[in-house]
């Protein structure tokens, strides 16, 4: 019984780690898209208002 619980815990931990990696990957991806958006919007804004938002 205890072994089962430990095994389950390990499995959960593994899944959690993998999920975390996936999430981090997604965030990185989003951040890159965000940066590109910000950059193009930023250029647009700078052009329009003489300010960088």
PDB file of N, CA and C in Angstrom:
ATOM      1  N   UNK A   1       0.837  -1.202   0.000  1.00  0.00           N
ATOM      2  CA  UNK A   1       0.000   0.000   0.000  1.00  0.00           C
ATOM      3  C   UNK A   1       0.875   1.256   0.000  1.00  0.00           C
ATOM      4  N   UNK A   2       1.847   1.306   0.890  1.00  0.00           N
ATOM      5  CA  UNK A   2       2.738   2.469   0.972  1.00  0.00           C
ATOM      6  C   UNK A   2       3.507   2.632  -0.333  1.00  0.00           C
ATOM      7  N   UNK A   3       3.955   1.512  -0.890  1.00  0.00           N
ATOM      8  CA  UNK A   3       4.683   1.562  -2.164  1.00  0.00           C
ATOM      9  C   UNK A   3       3.839   2.216  -3.245  1.00  0.00           C
ATOM     10  N   UNK A   4       2.576   1.825  -3.290  1.00  0.00           N
ATOM     11  CA  UNK A   4       1.666   2.404  -4.283  1.00  0.00           C
ATOM     12  C   UNK A   4       1.614   3.914  -4.136  1.00  0.00           C
ATOM     13  N   UNK A   5       1.455   4.364  -2.920  1.00  0.00           N
ATOM     14  CA  UNK A   5       1.366   5.800  -2.656  1.00  0.00           C
ATOM     15  C   UNK A   5       2.640   6.498  -3.104  1.00  0.00           C
ATOM     16  N   UNK A   6       3.782   5.921  -2.749  1.00  0.00           N
ATOM     17  CA  UNK A   6       5.066   6.514  -3.137  1.00  0.00           C
ATOM     18  C   UNK A   6       5.203   6.565  -4.649  1.00  0.00           C
ATOM     19  N   UNK A   7       4.817   5.456  -5.296  1.00  0.00           N
ATOM     20  CA  UNK A   7       4.901   5.413  -6.756  1.00  0.00           C
ATOM     21  C   UNK A   7       4.026   6.500  -7.370  1.00  0.00           C
ATOM     22  N   UNK A   8       2.822   6.622  -6.828  1.00  0.00           N
ATOM     23  CA  UNK A   8       1.898   7.638  -7.320  1.00  0.00           C
ATOM     24  C   UNK A   8       2.493   9.025  -7.139  1.00  0.00           C
ATOM     25  N   UNK A   9       3.055   9.246  -5.963  1.00  0.00           N
ATOM     26  CA  UNK A   9       3.664  10.546  -5.678  1.00  0.00           C
ATOM     27  C   UNK A   9       4.761  10.858  -6.688  1.00  0.00           C
ATOM     28  N   UNK A  10       5.609   9.881  -6.949  1.00  0.00           N
ATOM     29  CA  UNK A  10       6.684  10.068  -7.916  1.00  0.00           C
ATOM     30  C   UNK A  10       6.135  10.387  -9.293  1.00  0.00           C
ATOM     31  N   UNK A  11       5.104   9.656  -9.665  1.00  0.00           N
ATOM     32  CA  UNK A  11       4.484   9.856 -10.969  1.00  0.00           C
ATOM     33  C   UNK A  11       3.937  11.281 -11.073  1.00  0.00           C
ATOM     34  N   UNK A  12       3.239  11.687 -10.033  1.00  0.00           N
ATOM     35  CA  UNK A  12       2.668  13.031 -10.002  1.00  0.00           C
ATOM     36  C   UNK A  12       3.773  14.069 -10.129  1.00  0.00           C
ATOM     37  N   UNK A  13       4.851  13.840  -9.392  1.00  0.00           N
ATOM     38  CA  UNK A  13       5.976  14.762  -9.409  1.00  0.00           C
ATOM     39  C   UNK A  13       6.539  14.873 -10.822  1.00  0.00           C
ATOM     40  N   UNK A  14       6.729  13.717 -11.458  1.00  0.00           N
ATOM     41  CA  UNK A  14       7.264  13.687 -12.819  1.00  0.00           C
ATOM     42  C   UNK A  14       6.364  14.474 -13.759  1.00  0.00           C
ATOM     43  N   UNK A  15       5.072  14.180 -13.682  1.00  0.00           N
ATOM     44  CA  UNK A  15       4.116  14.858 -14.551  1.00  0.00           C
ATOM     45  C   UNK A  15       4.146  16.353 -14.297  1.00  0.00           C
ATOM     46  N   UNK A  16       4.253  16.709 -13.035  1.00  0.00           N
ATOM     47  CA  UNK A  16       4.292  18.113 -12.652  1.00  0.00           C
ATOM     48  C   UNK A  16       5.514  18.788 -13.275  1.00  0.00           C
ATOM     49  N   UNK A  17       6.655  18.126 -13.167  1.00  0.00           N
ATOM     50  CA  UNK A  17       7.896  18.675 -13.733  1.00  0.00           C
ATOM     51  C   UNK A  17       7.748  18.883 -15.235  1.00  0.00           C
ATOM     52  N   UNK A  18       7.217  17.860 -15.908  1.00  0.00           N
ATOM     53  CA  UNK A  18       7.065  17.941 -17.355  1.00  0.00           C
ATOM     54  C   UNK A  18       6.100  19.051 -17.724  1.00  0.00           C
ATOM     55  N   UNK A  19       5.035  19.141 -16.961  1.00  0.00           N
ATOM     56  CA  UNK A  19       4.037  20.184 -17.210  1.00  0.00           C
ATOM     57  C   UNK A  19       4.685  21.558 -17.045  1.00  0.00           C
ATOM     58  N   UNK A  20       5.515  21.670 -16.002  1.00  0.00           N
ATOM     59  CA  UNK A  20       6.197  22.938 -15.734  1.00  0.00           C
ATOM     60  C   UNK A  20       7.069  23.326 -16.922  1.00  0.00           C
ATOM     61  N   UNK A  21       7.795  22.328 -17.451  1.00  0.00           N
ATOM     62  CA  UNK A  21       8.659  22.572 -18.602  1.00  0.00           C
ATOM     63  C   UNK A  21       7.826  23.057 -19.776  1.00  0.00           C
ATOM     64  N   UNK A  22       6.699  22.374 -20.013  1.00  0.00           N
ATOM     65  CA  UNK A  22       5.811  22.757 -21.108  1.00  0.00           C
ATOM     66  C   UNK A  22       5.352  24.191 -20.928  1.00  0.00           C
ATOM     67  N   UNK A  23       4.935  24.503 -19.715  1.00  0.00           N
ATOM     68  CA  UNK A  23       4.434  25.844 -19.431  1.00  0.00           C
ATOM     69  C   UNK A  23       5.533  26.876 -19.662  1.00  0.00           C
ATOM     70  N   UNK A  24       6.734  26.571 -19.163  1.00  0.00           N
ATOM     71  CA  UNK A  24       7.850  27.485 -19.346  1.00  0.00           C
ATOM     72  C   UNK A  24       8.107  27.708 -20.836  1.00  0.00           C
ATOM     73  N   UNK A  25       8.043  26.595 -21.589  1.00  0.00           N
ATOM     74  CA  UNK A  25       8.255  26.676 -23.025  1.00  0.00           C
ATOM     75  C   UNK A  25       7.206  27.588 -23.658  1.00  0.00           C
ATOM     76  N   UNK A  26       5.947  27.383 -23.265  1.00  0.00           N
ATOM     77  CA  UNK A  26       4.859  28.208 -23.779  1.00  0.00           C
ATOM     78  C   UNK A  26       5.105  29.670 -23.464  1.00  0.00           C
ATOM     79  N   UNK A  27       5.508  29.929 -22.216  1.00  0.00           N
ATOM     80  CA  UNK A  27       5.750  31.301 -21.781  1.00  0.00           C
ATOM     81  C   UNK A  27       6.856  31.931 -22.617  1.00  0.00           C
ATOM     82  N   UNK A  28       7.938  31.171 -22.827  1.00  0.00           N
ATOM     83  CA  UNK A  28       9.040  31.679 -23.647  1.00  0.00           C
ATOM     84  C   UNK A  28       8.514  32.054 -25.027  1.00  0.00           C
ATOM     85  N   UNK A  29       7.725  31.130 -25.580  1.00  0.00           N
ATOM     86  CA  UNK A  29       7.162  31.332 -26.912  1.00  0.00           C
ATOM     87  C   UNK A  29       6.313  32.602 -26.932  1.00  0.00           C
ATOM     88  N   UNK A  30       5.436  32.721 -25.940  1.00  0.00           N
ATOM     89  CA  UNK A  30       4.560  33.884 -25.855  1.00  0.00           C
ATOM     90  C   UNK A  30       5.383  35.152 -25.683  1.00  0.00           C
ATOM     91  N   UNK A  31       6.416  35.050 -24.863  1.00  0.00           N
ATOM     92  CA  UNK A  31       7.245  36.218 -24.605  1.00  0.00           C
ATOM     93  C   UNK A  31       7.893  36.698 -25.900  1.00  0.00           C
ATOM     94  N   UNK A  32       8.350  35.740 -26.717  1.00  0.00           N
ATOM     95  CA  UNK A  32       8.965  36.104 -27.994  1.00  0.00           C
ATOM     96  C   UNK A  32       7.957  36.806 -28.888  1.00  0.00           C
ATOM     97  N   UNK A  33       6.760  36.237 -28.968  1.00  0.00           N
ATOM     98  CA  UNK A  33       5.712  36.843 -29.782  1.00  0.00           C
ATOM     99  C   UNK A  33       5.430  38.245 -29.246  1.00  0.00           C
ATOM    100  N   UNK A  34       5.338  38.334 -27.913  1.00  0.00           N
ATOM    101  CA  UNK A  34       5.083  39.594 -27.240  1.00  0.00           C
ATOM    102  C   UNK A  34       6.139  40.625 -27.583  1.00  0.00           C
ATOM    103  N   UNK A  35       7.393  40.208 -27.528  1.00  0.00           N
ATOM    104  CA  UNK A  35       8.493  41.131 -27.819  1.00  0.00           C
ATOM    105  C   UNK A  35       8.390  41.640 -29.245  1.00  0.00           C
ATOM    106  N   UNK A  36       8.102  40.736 -30.164  1.00  0.00           N
ATOM    107  CA  UNK A  36       7.964  41.151 -31.565  1.00  0.00           C
ATOM    108  C   UNK A  36       6.817  42.136 -31.720  1.00  0.00           C
ATOM    109  N   UNK A  37       5.702  41.833 -31.063  1.00  0.00           N
ATOM    110  CA  UNK A  37       4.548  42.717 -31.110  1.00  0.00           C
ATOM    111  C   UNK A  37       4.897  44.078 -30.533  1.00  0.00           C
ATOM    112  N   UNK A  38       5.497  44.039 -29.349  1.00  0.00           N
ATOM    113  CA  UNK A  38       5.878  45.270 -28.668  1.00  0.00           C
ATOM    114  C   UNK A  38       6.799  46.093 -29.558  1.00  0.00           C
ATOM    115  N   UNK A  39       7.736  45.401 -30.168  1.00  0.00           N
ATOM    116  CA  UNK A  39       8.714  46.083 -31.011  1.00  0.00           C
ATOM    117  C   UNK A  39       8.026  46.781 -32.181  1.00  0.00           C
ATOM    118  N   UNK A  40       7.179  46.031 -32.891  1.00  0.00           N
ATOM    119  CA  UNK A  40       6.519  46.631 -34.049  1.00  0.00           C
ATOM    120  C   UNK A  40       5.541  47.717 -33.611  1.00  0.00           C
ATOM    121  N   UNK A  41       4.804  47.449 -32.546  1.00  0.00           N
ATOM    122  CA  UNK A  41       3.888  48.463 -32.032  1.00  0.00           C
ATOM    123  C   UNK A  41       4.674  49.663 -31.538  1.00  0.00           C
ATOM    124  N   UNK A  42       5.783  49.362 -30.854  1.00  0.00           N
ATOM    125  CA  UNK A  42       6.631  50.417 -30.316  1.00  0.00           C
ATOM    126  C   UNK A  42       7.112  51.341 -31.419  1.00  0.00           C
ATOM    127  N   UNK A  43       7.563  50.754 -32.522  1.00  0.00           N
ATOM    128  CA  UNK A  43       8.027  51.561 -33.639  1.00  0.00           C
ATOM    129  C   UNK A  43       6.883  52.415 -34.174  1.00  0.00           C
ATOM    130  N   UNK A  44       5.727  51.790 -34.263  1.00  0.00           N
ATOM    131  CA  UNK A  44       4.533  52.470 -34.738  1.00  0.00           C
ATOM    132  C   UNK A  44       4.209  53.662 -33.832  1.00  0.00           C
ATOM    133  N   UNK A  45       4.220  53.379 -32.536  1.00  0.00           N
ATOM    134  CA  UNK A  45       3.897  54.436 -31.562  1.00  0.00           C
ATOM    135  C   UNK A  45       4.920  55.557 -31.601  1.00  0.00           C
ATOM    136  N   UNK A  46       6.171  55.178 -31.664  1.00  0.00           N
ATOM    137  CA  UNK A  46       7.235  56.169 -31.668  1.00  0.00           C
ATOM    138  C   UNK A  46       7.046  57.084 -32.884  1.00  0.00           C
ATOM    139  N   UNK A  47       6.704  56.444 -33.986  1.00  0.00           N
ATOM    140  CA  UNK A  47       6.497  57.183 -35.227  1.00  0.00           C
ATOM    141  C   UNK A  47       5.334  58.160 -35.059  1.00  0.00           C
ATOM    142  N   UNK A  48       4.271  57.683 -34.408  1.00  0.00           N
ATOM    143  CA  UNK A  48       3.068  58.513 -34.265  1.00  0.00           C
ATOM    144  C   UNK A  48       3.212  59.608 -33.222  1.00  0.00           C
ATOM    145  N   UNK A  49       3.760  59.257 -32.072  1.00  0.00           N
ATOM    146  CA  UNK A  49       3.703  60.184 -30.937  1.00  0.00           C
ATOM    147  C   UNK A  49       5.050  60.730 -30.516  1.00  0.00           C
ATOM    148  N   UNK A  50       6.106  60.261 -31.156  1.00  0.00           N
ATOM    149  CA  UNK A  50       7.425  60.671 -30.715  1.00  0.00           C
ATOM    150  C   UNK A  50       7.736  60.105 -29.347  1.00  0.00           C
ATOM    151  N   UNK A  51       6.950  59.108 -28.919  1.00  0.00           N
ATOM    152  CA  UNK A  51       7.184  58.470 -27.617  1.00  0.00           C
ATOM    153  C   UNK A  51       7.276  56.977 -27.823  1.00  0.00           C
ATOM    154  N   UNK A  52       7.982  56.339 -26.913  1.00  0.00           N
ATOM    155  CA  UNK A  52       8.042  54.878 -26.948  1.00  0.00           C
ATOM    156  C   UNK A  52       7.253  54.343 -25.771  1.00  0.00           C
ATOM    157  N   UNK A  53       6.178  53.620 -26.079  1.00  0.00           N
ATOM    158  CA  UNK A  53       5.369  53.051 -25.001  1.00  0.00           C
ATOM    159  C   UNK A  53       5.837  51.659 -24.685  1.00  0.00           C
TER     160      UNK A  53
END
